Amino acid sequence: MFAAGHAQAQIAPRLTGEAVVGRLDAIRQELAERASKLHDDRLTAASARLGTMADALRKSLGNKMSQPVDIIDDSSRVAVWRGDAAVQRTRAYLDAEPGCPGSDAKAMADSLITTIDRLATASSSSKATPVISGVETIDHRPLFALHPGSTPIALALVGTNLGDPQCADPQVTATDEQGKAVDAQPVITGTLPTRIELKLPNGVGSKSGTYLLHVVTKHKSFLMGCSAQPEALAVLQVTQPLRVIVNYELTATCSNGQRVPVTGSLPDVTAYGSTSSRQVDAAACPDPSRYAISAKVAFGDGNSASVGPVEQSATADITLGLPAGFTLSWSPSTRTVFVRSAANICKGVY
């Protein structure tokens, strides 16, 4: 017998349709609440689609709801796996979305919506149908979107029946939403039945939009050899290129009490982790006692925010926090306004 307080290993219960339907109902409600908070009707529709998937499972499974998926028929088993994949992908989105700037947040939502639609409409099945339940970085961070560019990208597809060690490696091809092959084709670097690791040697390119990964696996069956299985699909979104516009107003209070405002803009920020700056001519107030600064930041997707004014003595630096991890600063010693971009802060975007 174990001593009191000792942790005991627990075996996870076998997956059932009943468990997945419960998860679909719960995650549908969470997504509906997030959609309301974000005022995104598309996410509201996606949450309704999750409810439809739950209802379809209830109807199709009938008295098989409580049976482990391993012992039910192929079609029902694959439908349960796809429902569970929709749950996992939605859970990952809800955890990763907070704090993402507008264009990244939109790309993540687009990716999730397309994923749910594709899972809900998929119908083909076999004994070893592959189902993709997640896309992630090599260090297991959930991934929904990619920034455009030529930097090499490594990622992984996670799921069920993604490979058979007795057969050739799966085939993975990339297309746009219309099914047209794209230039940025992935290279497989490793496979397991539950994981395919990929590399995009030259990044994802410069064109924004939907990036679909089509996975075709083979499964070996008794006396039949290795045969191709129904296609599985993973959805990523290529974001719009980063563009952040910052306009500022710097007001000097002169020693005689006169207030002299100077307005201007900084060179656009086009990369995470970069700095943009501009020197300000303060000749109109050669002996200031105080400075105040305010700013408006606009993202390429149309979202914007205003901050300030914040006032300090003429010898003190001023720093203001901006959305999405950006900061705006005024340095009176160098008479420079500059904005700094943090490294990519959106957990769901590479």
Protein backbone atom coordinates (compact mmCIF):
# COMPACT_ATOMS: atom_id res chain seq x y z
CA MET A 1 0.00 0.00 0.00
CA PHE A 2 1.18 3.53 -0.77
CA ALA A 3 1.84 5.85 2.14
CA ALA A 4 -0.65 8.67 2.59
CA GLY A 5 0.16 11.70 0.47
CA HIS A 6 2.13 9.76 -2.14
CA ALA A 7 1.04 10.55 -5.69
CA GLN A 8 -0.33 7.55 -7.53
CA ALA A 9 -0.07 7.10 -11.27
CA GLN A 10 -3.37 7.35 -13.11
CA ILE A 11 -4.22 5.89 -16.48
CA ALA A 12 -6.23 8.23 -18.67
CA PRO A 13 -9.71 6.92 -19.49
CA ARG A 14 -10.24 5.64 -23.01
CA LEU A 15 -11.69 8.17 -25.42
CA THR A 16 -15.45 7.93 -25.98
CA GLY A 17 -17.97 9.84 -28.05
CA GLU A 18 -19.69 10.92 -24.86
CA ALA A 19 -16.52 12.55 -23.56
CA VAL A 20 -15.89 14.36 -26.84
CA VAL A 21 -19.47 15.63 -27.09
CA GLY A 22 -19.13 17.05 -23.57
CA ARG A 23 -15.89 18.77 -24.52
CA LEU A 24 -17.43 20.18 -27.70
CA ASP A 25 -20.34 21.66 -25.73
CA ALA A 26 -17.98 23.24 -23.19
CA ILE A 27 -15.50 24.66 -25.70
CA ARG A 28 -18.36 25.96 -27.87
CA GLN A 29 -19.53 28.07 -24.95
CA GLU A 30 -16.02 29.38 -24.27
CA LEU A 31 -15.52 30.33 -27.91
CA ALA A 32 -18.91 32.07 -28.01
CA GLU A 33 -17.91 34.15 -24.97
CA ARG A 34 -14.57 35.09 -26.55
CA ALA A 35 -16.33 35.99 -29.80
CA SER A 36 -18.65 38.30 -27.89
CA LYS A 37 -15.71 39.95 -26.14
CA LEU A 38 -13.88 40.45 -29.45
CA HIS A 39 -17.07 41.45 -31.34
CA ASP A 40 -16.23 38.85 -34.01
CA ASP A 41 -19.28 37.38 -35.74
CA ARG A 42 -17.09 34.86 -37.58
CA LEU A 43 -15.98 33.31 -34.29
CA THR A 44 -19.62 33.28 -33.18
CA ALA A 45 -20.43 31.25 -36.30
CA ALA A 46 -17.47 28.94 -35.58
CA SER A 47 -18.77 28.30 -32.06
CA ALA A 48 -22.15 27.38 -33.55
CA ARG A 49 -20.33 24.98 -35.89
CA LEU A 50 -18.82 23.23 -32.86
CA GLY A 51 -22.35 22.81 -31.50
CA THR A 52 -23.42 21.30 -34.81
CA MET A 53 -20.53 18.81 -34.61
CA ALA A 54 -21.65 17.81 -31.12
CA ASP A 55 -25.25 17.32 -32.27
CA ALA A 56 -24.11 15.23 -35.25
CA LEU A 57 -22.10 12.95 -32.98
CA ARG A 58 -25.03 12.50 -30.60
CA LYS A 59 -27.25 11.51 -33.54
CA SER A 60 -24.79 9.22 -35.32
CA LEU A 61 -23.39 7.42 -32.28
CA GLY A 62 -26.69 6.65 -30.57
CA ASN A 63 -26.11 3.84 -28.07
CA LYS A 64 -22.38 3.79 -28.92
CA MET A 65 -21.80 7.12 -27.14
CA SER A 66 -20.19 5.53 -24.08
CA GLN A 67 -18.16 2.91 -25.95
CA PRO A 68 -14.40 3.42 -26.40
CA VAL A 69 -13.65 4.66 -29.91
CA ASP A 70 -11.26 1.76 -30.51
CA ILE A 71 -14.14 -0.73 -30.68
CA ILE A 72 -16.71 1.19 -32.73
CA ASP A 73 -16.98 1.26 -36.53
CA ASP A 74 -14.46 3.18 -38.64
CA SER A 75 -16.77 6.02 -39.67
CA SER A 76 -17.93 6.71 -36.12
CA ARG A 77 -14.41 6.46 -34.70
CA VAL A 78 -13.00 8.97 -37.19
CA ALA A 79 -15.90 11.37 -36.54
CA VAL A 80 -15.09 11.27 -32.82
CA TRP A 81 -11.40 11.89 -33.51
CA ARG A 82 -12.28 14.88 -35.69
CA GLY A 83 -14.55 16.27 -33.00
CA ASP A 84 -11.75 15.87 -30.46
CA ALA A 85 -9.32 17.59 -32.86
CA ALA A 86 -11.71 20.56 -33.10
CA VAL A 87 -11.78 20.76 -29.30
CA GLN A 88 -7.98 20.66 -29.01
CA ARG A 89 -7.45 23.28 -31.71
CA THR A 90 -10.05 25.61 -30.19
CA ARG A 91 -8.54 25.19 -26.73
CA ALA A 92 -5.11 26.10 -28.09
CA TYR A 93 -6.56 29.19 -29.81
CA LEU A 94 -8.32 30.42 -26.66
CA ASP A 95 -5.09 30.07 -24.68
CA ALA A 96 -2.86 31.74 -27.28
CA GLU A 97 -5.06 34.61 -28.54
CA PRO A 98 -4.89 37.14 -25.65
CA GLY A 99 -2.34 39.90 -26.23
CA CYS A 100 -1.98 39.40 -29.97
CA PRO A 101 -2.01 42.56 -32.12
CA GLY A 102 -4.82 43.04 -34.62
CA SER A 103 -3.36 41.48 -37.76
CA ASP A 104 -1.99 38.47 -35.89
CA ALA A 105 -5.23 38.00 -33.96
CA LYS A 106 -7.22 38.09 -37.21
CA ALA A 107 -4.93 35.54 -38.86
CA MET A 108 -5.27 33.22 -35.86
CA ALA A 109 -9.05 33.50 -35.97
CA ASP A 110 -9.06 32.83 -39.73
CA SER A 111 -6.96 29.72 -39.18
CA LEU A 112 -9.23 28.38 -36.44
CA ILE A 113 -12.43 29.09 -38.40
CA THR A 114 -11.13 27.28 -41.50
CA THR A 115 -9.91 24.37 -39.36
CA ILE A 116 -13.30 23.89 -37.73
CA ASP A 117 -15.07 24.12 -41.10
CA ARG A 118 -12.78 21.52 -42.67
CA LEU A 119 -13.10 19.12 -39.72
CA ALA A 120 -16.88 19.53 -39.65
CA THR A 121 -17.27 18.78 -43.37
CA ALA A 122 -14.73 15.93 -43.68
CA SER A 123 -16.48 12.61 -44.23
CA SER A 124 -14.04 10.03 -45.61
CA SER A 125 -12.88 7.30 -43.26
CA SER A 126 -10.89 4.07 -43.05
CA LYS A 127 -9.42 1.92 -40.33
CA ALA A 128 -6.33 4.16 -40.12
CA THR A 129 -7.59 7.55 -41.26
CA PRO A 130 -5.13 10.27 -40.18
CA VAL A 131 -6.54 13.14 -38.14
CA ILE A 132 -4.49 16.26 -37.31
CA SER A 133 -5.34 17.75 -33.93
CA GLY A 134 -2.65 20.41 -33.74
CA VAL A 135 0.08 22.39 -35.46
CA GLU A 136 2.95 23.51 -33.28
CA THR A 137 6.52 24.74 -33.19
CA ILE A 138 9.25 22.19 -32.59
CA ASP A 139 9.26 23.23 -28.91
CA HIS A 140 5.52 22.44 -28.66
CA ARG A 141 4.06 25.96 -28.87
CA PRO A 142 0.64 25.95 -30.60
CA LEU A 143 0.81 27.53 -34.04
CA PHE A 144 -1.96 29.13 -36.09
CA ALA A 145 -0.24 31.61 -38.38
CA LEU A 146 3.11 32.43 -39.95
CA HIS A 147 4.71 35.80 -40.58
CA PRO A 148 5.71 36.30 -44.22
CA GLY A 149 9.38 36.18 -45.08
CA SER A 150 12.30 34.00 -46.14
CA THR A 151 13.51 32.91 -42.69
CA PRO A 152 13.53 29.08 -42.39
CA ILE A 153 10.61 27.73 -40.37
CA ALA A 154 10.38 24.43 -38.48
CA LEU A 155 7.02 23.12 -37.33
CA ALA A 156 5.19 19.91 -36.49
CA LEU A 157 1.80 18.35 -37.14
CA VAL A 158 0.33 16.38 -34.25
CA GLY A 159 -2.48 13.86 -34.31
CA THR A 160 -3.51 10.26 -34.89
CA ASN A 161 -2.38 7.79 -37.59
CA LEU A 162 0.11 10.21 -39.07
CA GLY A 163 2.43 7.44 -40.17
CA ASP A 164 3.00 3.69 -40.26
CA PRO A 165 6.58 2.51 -39.56
CA GLN A 166 6.03 -0.40 -41.93
CA CYS A 167 5.23 1.90 -44.87
CA ALA A 168 6.84 4.79 -46.72
CA ASP A 169 6.82 8.23 -45.10
CA PRO A 170 3.65 10.29 -45.51
CA GLN A 171 3.42 12.88 -48.27
CA VAL A 172 2.84 16.51 -47.27
CA THR A 173 2.05 19.17 -49.85
CA ALA A 174 1.08 22.82 -49.40
CA THR A 175 -1.61 24.69 -51.32
CA ASP A 176 -3.62 27.88 -51.08
CA GLU A 177 -7.31 27.79 -50.15
CA GLN A 178 -8.28 27.02 -53.76
CA GLY A 179 -6.03 23.95 -53.83
CA LYS A 180 -3.30 25.50 -56.00
CA ALA A 181 0.23 24.42 -55.04
CA VAL A 182 2.30 27.22 -53.48
CA ASP A 183 6.02 27.87 -53.83
CA ALA A 184 6.77 27.27 -50.13
CA GLN A 185 6.63 23.48 -50.05
CA PRO A 186 7.51 21.71 -46.78
CA VAL A 187 10.28 19.15 -46.33
CA ILE A 188 9.65 16.27 -43.90
CA THR A 189 12.41 15.98 -41.29
CA GLY A 190 10.91 13.30 -39.03
CA THR A 191 7.83 11.12 -38.60
CA LEU A 192 6.06 9.21 -35.86
CA PRO A 193 2.52 7.78 -35.84
CA THR A 194 1.50 10.82 -33.77
CA ARG A 195 3.80 13.53 -35.18
CA ILE A 196 5.25 14.80 -38.46
CA GLU A 197 8.06 17.34 -38.26
CA LEU A 198 8.49 19.71 -41.20
CA LYS A 199 10.80 22.45 -42.38
CA LEU A 200 10.14 25.34 -44.75
CA PRO A 201 13.75 26.00 -45.85
CA ASN A 202 13.01 29.40 -47.37
CA GLY A 203 10.18 30.51 -45.11
CA VAL A 204 6.61 30.89 -46.26
CA GLY A 205 7.13 33.64 -48.84
CA SER A 206 5.57 37.08 -49.04
CA LYS A 207 1.97 36.34 -50.04
CA SER A 208 -0.58 36.49 -47.22
CA GLY A 209 -3.57 34.15 -47.08
CA THR A 210 -4.50 30.59 -46.21
CA TYR A 211 -1.75 27.95 -46.21
CA LEU A 212 -3.07 24.40 -46.28
CA LEU A 213 -0.97 21.32 -45.53
CA HIS A 214 -2.36 18.17 -47.15
CA VAL A 215 -1.18 14.94 -45.53
CA VAL A 216 -1.50 11.55 -47.23
CA THR A 217 -0.35 8.55 -45.22
CA LYS A 218 -0.11 4.82 -45.93
CA HIS A 219 -1.17 1.98 -43.66
CA LYS A 220 -0.16 -1.67 -43.87
CA SER A 221 -2.90 -4.22 -43.42
CA PHE A 222 -2.76 -8.02 -43.37
CA LEU A 223 -2.28 -9.50 -46.85
CA MET A 224 -2.94 -6.10 -48.47
CA GLY A 225 0.39 -4.29 -48.09
CA CYS A 226 0.60 -0.50 -47.69
CA SER A 227 -2.36 1.45 -49.03
CA ALA A 228 -3.06 5.20 -49.14
CA GLN A 229 -5.46 6.57 -46.52
CA PRO A 230 -7.93 9.47 -46.74
CA GLU A 231 -6.27 12.87 -46.68
CA ALA A 232 -5.81 14.86 -43.49
CA LEU A 233 -5.58 18.63 -43.53
CA ALA A 234 -3.82 21.23 -41.39
CA VAL A 235 -4.60 24.93 -41.69
CA LEU A 236 -2.23 27.86 -41.18
CA GLN A 237 -2.63 31.48 -42.13
CA VAL A 238 0.10 33.73 -43.53
CA THR A 239 -0.34 37.15 -41.93
CA GLN A 240 -0.22 40.54 -43.57
CA PRO A 241 3.31 42.04 -43.39
CA LEU A 242 3.85 44.00 -40.18
CA ARG A 243 3.31 47.75 -40.56
CA VAL A 244 2.96 50.06 -37.58
CA ILE A 245 2.52 53.82 -38.01
CA VAL A 246 3.26 56.11 -35.05
CA ASN A 247 2.27 59.80 -34.93
CA TYR A 248 3.30 61.87 -31.93
CA GLU A 249 2.79 65.30 -30.39
CA LEU A 250 5.59 66.64 -28.20
CA THR A 251 4.76 69.78 -26.21
CA ALA A 252 7.50 71.83 -24.57
CA THR A 253 6.66 74.19 -21.71
CA CYS A 254 9.13 77.07 -21.92
CA SER A 255 10.58 78.86 -18.92
CA ASN A 256 8.25 81.80 -19.61
CA GLY A 257 5.21 79.46 -19.45
CA GLN A 258 4.62 79.34 -23.21
CA ARG A 259 3.63 75.90 -24.53
CA VAL A 260 5.09 74.92 -27.92
CA PRO A 261 3.66 71.76 -29.56
CA VAL A 262 5.55 69.85 -32.26
CA THR A 263 3.84 67.08 -34.21
CA GLY A 264 5.42 64.44 -36.38
CA SER A 265 5.56 60.81 -37.37
CA LEU A 266 8.18 58.10 -37.11
CA PRO A 267 9.36 55.86 -39.94
CA ASP A 268 7.02 52.86 -40.15
CA VAL A 269 7.92 49.82 -38.04
CA THR A 270 8.06 46.78 -40.34
CA ALA A 271 9.77 44.12 -38.21
CA TYR A 272 9.42 42.78 -34.69
CA GLY A 273 12.34 43.59 -32.41
CA SER A 274 13.21 46.80 -34.31
CA THR A 275 13.44 50.49 -33.36
CA SER A 276 12.25 53.57 -35.24
CA SER A 277 13.34 57.08 -34.25
CA ARG A 278 13.32 60.73 -35.21
CA GLN A 279 15.13 63.77 -33.80
CA VAL A 280 12.94 66.75 -32.91
CA ASP A 281 13.89 70.35 -33.54
CA ALA A 282 13.20 72.20 -30.29
CA ALA A 283 14.63 75.59 -31.35
CA ALA A 284 11.29 77.30 -30.68
CA CYS A 285 11.76 76.65 -26.96
CA PRO A 286 15.49 76.75 -26.15
CA ASP A 287 15.04 76.67 -22.37
CA PRO A 288 12.18 74.25 -21.58
CA SER A 289 11.08 73.41 -18.06
CA ARG A 290 8.83 70.45 -18.94
CA TYR A 291 7.91 68.14 -21.81
CA ALA A 292 4.68 66.27 -22.50
CA ILE A 293 4.21 63.63 -25.18
CA SER A 294 1.23 61.78 -26.61
CA ALA A 295 0.96 59.41 -29.54
CA LYS A 296 -1.37 57.49 -31.82
CA VAL A 297 -0.31 54.09 -33.10
CA ALA A 298 -2.00 52.52 -36.12
CA PHE A 299 -1.56 48.93 -37.28
CA GLY A 300 -1.68 47.86 -40.91
CA ASP A 301 -5.03 46.11 -40.38
CA GLY A 302 -6.73 49.40 -39.43
CA ASN A 303 -6.71 49.01 -35.63
CA SER A 304 -5.34 51.99 -33.72
CA ALA A 305 -4.87 53.29 -30.19
CA SER A 306 -3.91 56.59 -28.54
CA VAL A 307 -1.77 57.11 -25.44
CA GLY A 308 -0.81 60.09 -23.32
CA PRO A 309 -0.17 62.86 -22.85
CA VAL A 310 2.41 62.15 -20.14
CA GLU A 311 4.42 65.08 -18.74
CA GLN A 312 7.80 65.16 -16.99
CA SER A 313 10.51 67.68 -16.14
CA ALA A 314 12.65 68.75 -19.09
CA THR A 315 15.57 66.56 -17.99
CA ALA A 316 13.62 63.31 -17.50
CA ASP A 317 13.07 60.61 -20.11
CA ILE A 318 9.43 59.67 -20.83
CA THR A 319 8.31 56.16 -21.83
CA LEU A 320 4.77 55.14 -22.74
CA GLY A 321 3.46 51.63 -23.25
CA LEU A 322 1.73 50.99 -26.58
CA PRO A 323 -0.41 48.01 -27.67
CA ALA A 324 1.18 44.72 -28.74
CA GLY A 325 4.37 45.19 -26.74
CA PHE A 326 5.50 48.46 -28.38
CA THR A 327 6.91 51.36 -26.34
CA LEU A 328 7.27 55.04 -27.21
CA SER A 329 10.01 57.10 -25.57
CA TRP A 330 11.24 60.68 -25.52
CA SER A 331 14.89 61.39 -24.66
CA PRO A 332 15.45 65.11 -23.95
CA SER A 333 19.24 64.68 -23.83
CA THR A 334 19.31 63.57 -27.49
CA ARG A 335 16.03 65.28 -28.47
CA THR A 336 14.85 61.98 -29.96
CA VAL A 337 11.45 60.32 -30.10
CA PHE A 338 11.67 56.59 -30.72
CA VAL A 339 9.43 53.56 -30.69
CA ARG A 340 10.66 50.07 -29.87
CA SER A 341 8.99 46.86 -30.97
CA ALA A 342 9.22 43.90 -28.67
CA ALA A 343 10.00 40.51 -30.13
CA ASN A 344 6.93 38.69 -31.43
CA ILE A 345 4.56 38.50 -28.41
CA CYS A 346 1.77 36.54 -30.09
CA LYS A 347 2.03 32.95 -28.87
CA GLY A 348 0.11 31.50 -31.80
CA VAL A 349 2.16 33.10 -34.59
CA TYR A 350 5.66 32.14 -35.76
